[in-house]
């Protein structure tokens, strides 16, 4: 089983999505969306853009760069 996107209510009329790891650990939470259809568009944007995203470490720490992990995407 892969990680998943979970859509949840945020207040009376808003929504957010969470990204959860395979073991259920929370990995990220989105900004609030209204209407709910915008939440789904946010999920699709993450799926489209994150698979090949590079890590841009602007923290200022003097550590060597690490490899960018690949994100599993569902097969169409």
PDB file of N, CA and C in Angstrom:
ATOM      1  N   UNK A   1       0.848  -1.180   0.000  1.00  0.00           N
ATOM      2  CA  UNK A   1       0.000   0.000   0.000  1.00  0.00           C
ATOM      3  C   UNK A   1       0.892   1.242   0.000  1.00  0.00           C
ATOM      4  N   UNK A   2       0.526   2.229  -0.781  1.00  0.00           N
ATOM      5  CA  UNK A   2       1.285   3.478  -0.859  1.00  0.00           C
ATOM      6  C   UNK A   2       0.702   4.495   0.110  1.00  0.00           C
ATOM      7  N   UNK A   3       1.397   5.609   0.250  1.00  0.00           N
ATOM      8  CA  UNK A   3       0.852   6.713   1.037  1.00  0.00           C
ATOM      9  C   UNK A   3      -0.440   7.193   0.391  1.00  0.00           C
ATOM     10  N   UNK A   4      -1.062   8.184   1.038  1.00  0.00           N
ATOM     11  CA  UNK A   4      -2.337   8.642   0.502  1.00  0.00           C
ATOM     12  C   UNK A   4      -2.589  10.111   0.803  1.00  0.00           C
ATOM     13  N   UNK A   5      -3.483  10.695   0.040  1.00  0.00           N
ATOM     14  CA  UNK A   5      -3.991  12.033   0.270  1.00  0.00           C
ATOM     15  C   UNK A   5      -5.327  11.883   0.983  1.00  0.00           C
ATOM     16  N   UNK A   6      -5.527  12.617   2.067  1.00  0.00           N
ATOM     17  CA  UNK A   6      -6.766  12.554   2.840  1.00  0.00           C
ATOM     18  C   UNK A   6      -7.382  13.949   2.852  1.00  0.00           C
ATOM     19  N   UNK A   7      -8.622  14.068   2.376  1.00  0.00           N
ATOM     20  CA  UNK A   7      -9.332  15.350   2.382  1.00  0.00           C
ATOM     21  C   UNK A   7     -10.132  15.445   3.674  1.00  0.00           C
ATOM     22  N   UNK A   8      -9.972  16.560   4.392  1.00  0.00           N
ATOM     23  CA  UNK A   8     -10.667  16.764   5.665  1.00  0.00           C
ATOM     24  C   UNK A   8     -11.315  18.140   5.687  1.00  0.00           C
ATOM     25  N   UNK A   9     -12.337  18.292   6.514  1.00  0.00           N
ATOM     26  CA  UNK A   9     -12.975  19.603   6.710  1.00  0.00           C
ATOM     27  C   UNK A   9     -12.056  20.494   7.536  1.00  0.00           C
ATOM     28  N   UNK A  10     -12.097  21.783   7.230  1.00  0.00           N
ATOM     29  CA  UNK A  10     -11.320  22.774   7.962  1.00  0.00           C
ATOM     30  C   UNK A  10     -12.276  23.910   8.312  1.00  0.00           C
ATOM     31  N   UNK A  11     -12.872  23.835   9.466  1.00  0.00           N
ATOM     32  CA  UNK A  11     -13.864  24.841   9.845  1.00  0.00           C
ATOM     33  C   UNK A  11     -15.214  24.525   9.226  1.00  0.00           C
ATOM     34  N   UNK A  12     -16.072  25.541   9.146  1.00  0.00           N
ATOM     35  CA  UNK A  12     -17.430  25.332   8.666  1.00  0.00           C
ATOM     36  C   UNK A  12     -17.542  25.112   7.166  1.00  0.00           C
ATOM     37  N   UNK A  13     -16.719  25.814   6.378  1.00  0.00           N
ATOM     38  CA  UNK A  13     -16.894  25.702   4.936  1.00  0.00           C
ATOM     39  C   UNK A  13     -15.591  25.522   4.165  1.00  0.00           C
ATOM     40  N   UNK A  14     -14.525  25.142   4.840  1.00  0.00           N
ATOM     41  CA  UNK A  14     -13.241  24.952   4.189  1.00  0.00           C
ATOM     42  C   UNK A  14     -12.796  23.504   4.220  1.00  0.00           C
ATOM     43  N   UNK A  15     -11.765  23.224   3.442  1.00  0.00           N
ATOM     44  CA  UNK A  15     -11.199  21.878   3.353  1.00  0.00           C
ATOM     45  C   UNK A  15      -9.686  21.980   3.279  1.00  0.00           C
ATOM     46  N   UNK A  16      -9.017  20.938   3.680  1.00  0.00           N
ATOM     47  CA  UNK A  16      -7.570  20.777   3.538  1.00  0.00           C
ATOM     48  C   UNK A  16      -7.321  19.351   3.092  1.00  0.00           C
ATOM     49  N   UNK A  17      -6.129  19.109   2.565  1.00  0.00           N
ATOM     50  CA  UNK A  17      -5.731  17.720   2.360  1.00  0.00           C
ATOM     51  C   UNK A  17      -4.471  17.463   3.163  1.00  0.00           C
ATOM     52  N   UNK A  18      -4.348  16.257   3.602  1.00  0.00           N
ATOM     53  CA  UNK A  18      -3.148  15.805   4.306  1.00  0.00           C
ATOM     54  C   UNK A  18      -2.485  14.737   3.453  1.00  0.00           C
ATOM     55  N   UNK A  19      -1.183  14.685   3.516  1.00  0.00           N
ATOM     56  CA  UNK A  19      -0.438  13.609   2.878  1.00  0.00           C
ATOM     57  C   UNK A  19       0.043  12.702   3.988  1.00  0.00           C
ATOM     58  N   UNK A  20      -0.351  11.446   3.920  1.00  0.00           N
ATOM     59  CA  UNK A  20       0.018  10.469   4.952  1.00  0.00           C
ATOM     60  C   UNK A  20       0.894   9.380   4.342  1.00  0.00           C
ATOM     61  N   UNK A  21       1.895   8.959   5.094  1.00  0.00           N
ATOM     62  CA  UNK A  21       2.758   7.864   4.681  1.00  0.00           C
ATOM     63  C   UNK A  21       1.985   6.551   4.757  1.00  0.00           C
ATOM     64  N   UNK A  22       2.565   5.539   4.208  1.00  0.00           N
ATOM     65  CA  UNK A  22       1.939   4.216   4.203  1.00  0.00           C
ATOM     66  C   UNK A  22       1.556   3.763   5.609  1.00  0.00           C
ATOM     67  N   UNK A  23       2.365   4.126   6.605  1.00  0.00           N
ATOM     68  CA  UNK A  23       2.087   3.719   7.984  1.00  0.00           C
ATOM     69  C   UNK A  23       1.133   4.673   8.710  1.00  0.00           C
ATOM     70  N   UNK A  24       0.580   5.674   7.980  1.00  0.00           N
ATOM     71  CA  UNK A  24      -0.362   6.607   8.575  1.00  0.00           C
ATOM     72  C   UNK A  24       0.274   7.859   9.165  1.00  0.00           C
ATOM     73  N   UNK A  25       1.591   7.948   9.150  1.00  0.00           N
ATOM     74  CA  UNK A  25       2.272   9.120   9.698  1.00  0.00           C
ATOM     75  C   UNK A  25       1.966  10.342   8.828  1.00  0.00           C
ATOM     76  N   UNK A  26       1.618  11.451   9.467  1.00  0.00           N
ATOM     77  CA  UNK A  26       1.349  12.699   8.767  1.00  0.00           C
ATOM     78  C   UNK A  26       2.646  13.260   8.200  1.00  0.00           C
ATOM     79  N   UNK A  27       2.641  13.527   6.903  1.00  0.00           N
ATOM     80  CA  UNK A  27       3.824  14.055   6.239  1.00  0.00           C
ATOM     81  C   UNK A  27       3.675  15.531   5.897  1.00  0.00           C
ATOM     82  N   UNK A  28       2.470  15.969   5.555  1.00  0.00           N
ATOM     83  CA  UNK A  28       2.235  17.366   5.184  1.00  0.00           C
ATOM     84  C   UNK A  28       0.747  17.677   5.254  1.00  0.00           C
ATOM     85  N   UNK A  29       0.444  18.956   5.443  1.00  0.00           N
ATOM     86  CA  UNK A  29      -0.931  19.446   5.444  1.00  0.00           C
ATOM     87  C   UNK A  29      -1.006  20.638   4.503  1.00  0.00           C
ATOM     88  N   UNK A  30      -2.056  20.710   3.727  1.00  0.00           N
ATOM     89  CA  UNK A  30      -2.202  21.789   2.753  1.00  0.00           C
ATOM     90  C   UNK A  30      -2.719  23.067   3.386  1.00  0.00           C
ATOM     91  N   UNK A  31      -2.744  24.106   2.589  1.00  0.00           N
ATOM     92  CA  UNK A  31      -3.427  25.336   2.962  1.00  0.00           C
ATOM     93  C   UNK A  31      -4.928  25.078   2.913  1.00  0.00           C
ATOM     94  N   UNK A  32      -5.742  25.960   3.470  1.00  0.00           N
ATOM     95  CA  UNK A  32      -7.192  25.760   3.381  1.00  0.00           C
ATOM     96  C   UNK A  32      -7.716  26.064   1.973  1.00  0.00           C
ATOM     97  N   UNK A  33      -8.717  25.307   1.557  1.00  0.00           N
ATOM     98  CA  UNK A  33      -9.345  25.488   0.246  1.00  0.00           C
ATOM     99  C   UNK A  33     -10.849  25.651   0.408  1.00  0.00           C
ATOM    100  N   UNK A  34     -11.443  26.478  -0.450  1.00  0.00           N
ATOM    101  CA  UNK A  34     -12.881  26.591  -0.599  1.00  0.00           C
ATOM    102  C   UNK A  34     -13.115  26.896  -2.074  1.00  0.00           C
ATOM    103  N   UNK A  35     -13.910  26.172  -2.752  1.00  0.00           N
ATOM    104  CA  UNK A  35     -14.736  25.041  -2.377  1.00  0.00           C
ATOM    105  C   UNK A  35     -13.944  23.739  -2.361  1.00  0.00           C
ATOM    106  N   UNK A  36     -14.632  22.673  -2.051  1.00  0.00           N
ATOM    107  CA  UNK A  36     -13.998  21.365  -1.952  1.00  0.00           C
ATOM    108  C   UNK A  36     -13.315  20.962  -3.260  1.00  0.00           C
ATOM    109  N   UNK A  37     -13.874  21.346  -4.392  1.00  0.00           N
ATOM    110  CA  UNK A  37     -13.277  20.992  -5.685  1.00  0.00           C
ATOM    111  C   UNK A  37     -11.867  21.573  -5.826  1.00  0.00           C
ATOM    112  N   UNK A  38     -11.603  22.696  -5.191  1.00  0.00           N
ATOM    113  CA  UNK A  38     -10.259  23.284  -5.219  1.00  0.00           C
ATOM    114  C   UNK A  38      -9.268  22.421  -4.451  1.00  0.00           C
ATOM    115  N   UNK A  39      -9.747  21.728  -3.432  1.00  0.00           N
ATOM    116  CA  UNK A  39      -8.893  20.819  -2.669  1.00  0.00           C
ATOM    117  C   UNK A  39      -8.398  19.702  -3.579  1.00  0.00           C
ATOM    118  N   UNK A  40      -9.299  19.143  -4.362  1.00  0.00           N
ATOM    119  CA  UNK A  40      -8.937  18.073  -5.299  1.00  0.00           C
ATOM    120  C   UNK A  40      -7.930  18.579  -6.340  1.00  0.00           C
ATOM    121  N   UNK A  41      -8.119  19.813  -6.800  1.00  0.00           N
ATOM    122  CA  UNK A  41      -7.173  20.394  -7.752  1.00  0.00           C
ATOM    123  C   UNK A  41      -5.796  20.556  -7.114  1.00  0.00           C
ATOM    124  N   UNK A  42      -5.758  20.892  -5.827  1.00  0.00           N
ATOM    125  CA  UNK A  42      -4.488  20.990  -5.111  1.00  0.00           C
ATOM    126  C   UNK A  42      -3.781  19.651  -5.036  1.00  0.00           C
ATOM    127  N   UNK A  43      -4.545  18.593  -4.771  1.00  0.00           N
ATOM    128  CA  UNK A  43      -3.985  17.233  -4.738  1.00  0.00           C
ATOM    129  C   UNK A  43      -3.392  16.886  -6.100  1.00  0.00           C
ATOM    130  N   UNK A  44      -4.139  17.147  -7.153  1.00  0.00           N
ATOM    131  CA  UNK A  44      -3.663  16.829  -8.500  1.00  0.00           C
ATOM    132  C   UNK A  44      -2.411  17.628  -8.852  1.00  0.00           C
ATOM    133  N   UNK A  45      -2.335  18.880  -8.408  1.00  0.00           N
ATOM    134  CA  UNK A  45      -1.150  19.701  -8.668  1.00  0.00           C
ATOM    135  C   UNK A  45       0.082  19.126  -7.973  1.00  0.00           C
ATOM    136  N   UNK A  46      -0.091  18.657  -6.745  1.00  0.00           N
ATOM    137  CA  UNK A  46       1.033  18.034  -6.028  1.00  0.00           C
ATOM    138  C   UNK A  46       1.479  16.768  -6.752  1.00  0.00           C
ATOM    139  N   UNK A  47       0.537  15.938  -7.147  1.00  0.00           N
ATOM    140  CA  UNK A  47       0.882  14.706  -7.861  1.00  0.00           C
ATOM    141  C   UNK A  47       1.658  15.005  -9.145  1.00  0.00           C
ATOM    142  N   UNK A  48       1.224  16.026  -9.861  1.00  0.00           N
ATOM    143  CA  UNK A  48       1.848  16.388 -11.129  1.00  0.00           C
ATOM    144  C   UNK A  48       3.239  16.976 -10.945  1.00  0.00           C
ATOM    145  N   UNK A  49       3.429  17.807  -9.943  1.00  0.00           N
ATOM    146  CA  UNK A  49       4.663  18.577  -9.809  1.00  0.00           C
ATOM    147  C   UNK A  49       5.709  17.989  -8.876  1.00  0.00           C
ATOM    148  N   UNK A  50       5.332  17.148  -7.950  1.00  0.00           N
ATOM    149  CA  UNK A  50       6.281  16.697  -6.930  1.00  0.00           C
ATOM    150  C   UNK A  50       7.106  15.485  -7.329  1.00  0.00           C
ATOM    151  N   UNK A  51       6.646  14.713  -8.271  1.00  0.00           N
ATOM    152  CA  UNK A  51       7.340  13.464  -8.604  1.00  0.00           C
ATOM    153  C   UNK A  51       8.798  13.687  -8.991  1.00  0.00           C
ATOM    154  N   UNK A  52       9.074  14.748  -9.713  1.00  0.00           N
ATOM    155  CA  UNK A  52      10.444  15.011 -10.164  1.00  0.00           C
ATOM    156  C   UNK A  52      11.048  16.259  -9.531  1.00  0.00           C
ATOM    157  N   UNK A  53      10.449  16.721  -8.442  1.00  0.00           N
ATOM    158  CA  UNK A  53      10.926  17.954  -7.801  1.00  0.00           C
ATOM    159  C   UNK A  53      12.306  17.749  -7.175  1.00  0.00           C
ATOM    160  N   UNK A  54      13.131  18.782  -7.267  1.00  0.00           N
ATOM    161  CA  UNK A  54      14.452  18.776  -6.643  1.00  0.00           C
ATOM    162  C   UNK A  54      14.352  19.407  -5.257  1.00  0.00           C
ATOM    163  N   UNK A  55      15.265  19.046  -4.374  1.00  0.00           N
ATOM    164  CA  UNK A  55      15.325  19.661  -3.053  1.00  0.00           C
ATOM    165  C   UNK A  55      16.225  20.888  -3.159  1.00  0.00           C
ATOM    166  N   UNK A  56      15.696  22.044  -2.781  1.00  0.00           N
ATOM    167  CA  UNK A  56      16.448  23.299  -2.792  1.00  0.00           C
ATOM    168  C   UNK A  56      16.647  23.706  -1.333  1.00  0.00           C
ATOM    169  N   UNK A  57      17.754  23.286  -0.742  1.00  0.00           N
ATOM    170  CA  UNK A  57      18.025  23.541   0.672  1.00  0.00           C
ATOM    171  C   UNK A  57      18.584  24.947   0.842  1.00  0.00           C
ATOM    172  N   UNK A  58      17.762  25.845   1.358  1.00  0.00           N
ATOM    173  CA  UNK A  58      18.170  27.227   1.586  1.00  0.00           C
ATOM    174  C   UNK A  58      18.338  27.510   3.068  1.00  0.00           C
ATOM    175  N   UNK A  59      18.590  26.455   3.840  1.00  0.00           N
ATOM    176  CA  UNK A  59      18.685  26.591   5.292  1.00  0.00           C
ATOM    177  C   UNK A  59      19.978  27.240   5.750  1.00  0.00           C
ATOM    178  N   UNK A  60      21.001  27.201   4.914  1.00  0.00           N
ATOM    179  CA  UNK A  60      22.276  27.783   5.295  1.00  0.00           C
ATOM    180  C   UNK A  60      23.190  26.802   6.014  1.00  0.00           C
ATOM    181  N   UNK A  61      22.698  25.593   6.284  1.00  0.00           N
ATOM    182  CA  UNK A  61      23.559  24.578   6.904  1.00  0.00           C
ATOM    183  C   UNK A  61      24.596  24.121   5.895  1.00  0.00           C
ATOM    184  N   UNK A  62      25.801  23.807   6.364  1.00  0.00           N
ATOM    185  CA  UNK A  62      26.877  23.379   5.478  1.00  0.00           C
ATOM    186  C   UNK A  62      26.929  21.870   5.361  1.00  0.00           C
ATOM    187  N   UNK A  63      25.839  21.267   4.968  1.00  0.00           N
ATOM    188  CA  UNK A  63      25.807  19.824   4.781  1.00  0.00           C
ATOM    189  C   UNK A  63      25.808  19.520   3.294  1.00  0.00           C
ATOM    190  N   UNK A  64      26.359  18.382   2.952  1.00  0.00           N
ATOM    191  CA  UNK A  64      26.361  17.955   1.557  1.00  0.00           C
ATOM    192  C   UNK A  64      24.933  17.663   1.117  1.00  0.00           C
ATOM    193  N   UNK A  65      24.596  17.956  -0.129  1.00  0.00           N
ATOM    194  CA  UNK A  65      23.243  17.679  -0.614  1.00  0.00           C
ATOM    195  C   UNK A  65      22.967  16.184  -0.610  1.00  0.00           C
ATOM    196  N   UNK A  66      21.718  15.841  -0.421  1.00  0.00           N
ATOM    197  CA  UNK A  66      21.314  14.435  -0.449  1.00  0.00           C
ATOM    198  C   UNK A  66      20.490  14.185  -1.691  1.00  0.00           C
ATOM    199  N   UNK A  67      20.353  12.945  -2.054  1.00  0.00           N
ATOM    200  CA  UNK A  67      19.561  12.578  -3.228  1.00  0.00           C
ATOM    201  C   UNK A  67      18.099  12.911  -2.986  1.00  0.00           C
ATOM    202  N   UNK A  68      17.423  13.305  -4.033  1.00  0.00           N
ATOM    203  CA  UNK A  68      15.997  13.596  -3.955  1.00  0.00           C
ATOM    204  C   UNK A  68      15.232  12.280  -4.022  1.00  0.00           C
ATOM    205  N   UNK A  69      14.384  11.985  -3.008  1.00  0.00           N
ATOM    206  CA  UNK A  69      13.624  10.736  -3.063  1.00  0.00           C
ATOM    207  C   UNK A  69      12.575  10.801  -4.150  1.00  0.00           C
ATOM    208  N   UNK A  70      12.317   9.689  -4.772  1.00  0.00           N
ATOM    209  CA  UNK A  70      11.275   9.605  -5.795  1.00  0.00           C
ATOM    210  C   UNK A  70       9.940   9.417  -5.097  1.00  0.00           C
ATOM    211  N   UNK A  71       8.915  10.049  -5.618  1.00  0.00           N
ATOM    212  CA  UNK A  71       7.569   9.920  -5.079  1.00  0.00           C
ATOM    213  C   UNK A  71       6.824   8.948  -5.950  1.00  0.00           C
ATOM    214  N   UNK A  72       6.238   7.941  -5.335  1.00  0.00           N
ATOM    215  CA  UNK A  72       5.446   6.972  -6.096  1.00  0.00           C
ATOM    216  C   UNK A  72       4.171   7.628  -6.564  1.00  0.00           C
ATOM    217  N   UNK A  73       3.836   7.416  -7.828  1.00  0.00           N
ATOM    218  CA  UNK A  73       2.574   7.950  -8.348  1.00  0.00           C
ATOM    219  C   UNK A  73       1.718   6.793  -8.821  1.00  0.00           C
ATOM    220  N   UNK A  74       0.408   6.922  -8.634  1.00  0.00           N
ATOM    221  CA  UNK A  74      -0.464   5.833  -9.075  1.00  0.00           C
ATOM    222  C   UNK A  74      -0.438   5.719 -10.585  1.00  0.00           C
ATOM    223  N   UNK A  75      -0.538   4.509 -11.080  1.00  0.00           N
ATOM    224  CA  UNK A  75      -0.552   4.297 -12.512  1.00  0.00           C
ATOM    225  C   UNK A  75      -1.934   4.589 -13.046  1.00  0.00           C
ATOM    226  N   UNK A  76      -1.972   5.246 -14.183  1.00  0.00           N
ATOM    227  CA  UNK A  76      -3.267   5.610 -14.778  1.00  0.00           C
ATOM    228  C   UNK A  76      -3.888   4.444 -15.493  1.00  0.00           C
TER     229      UNK A  76
END
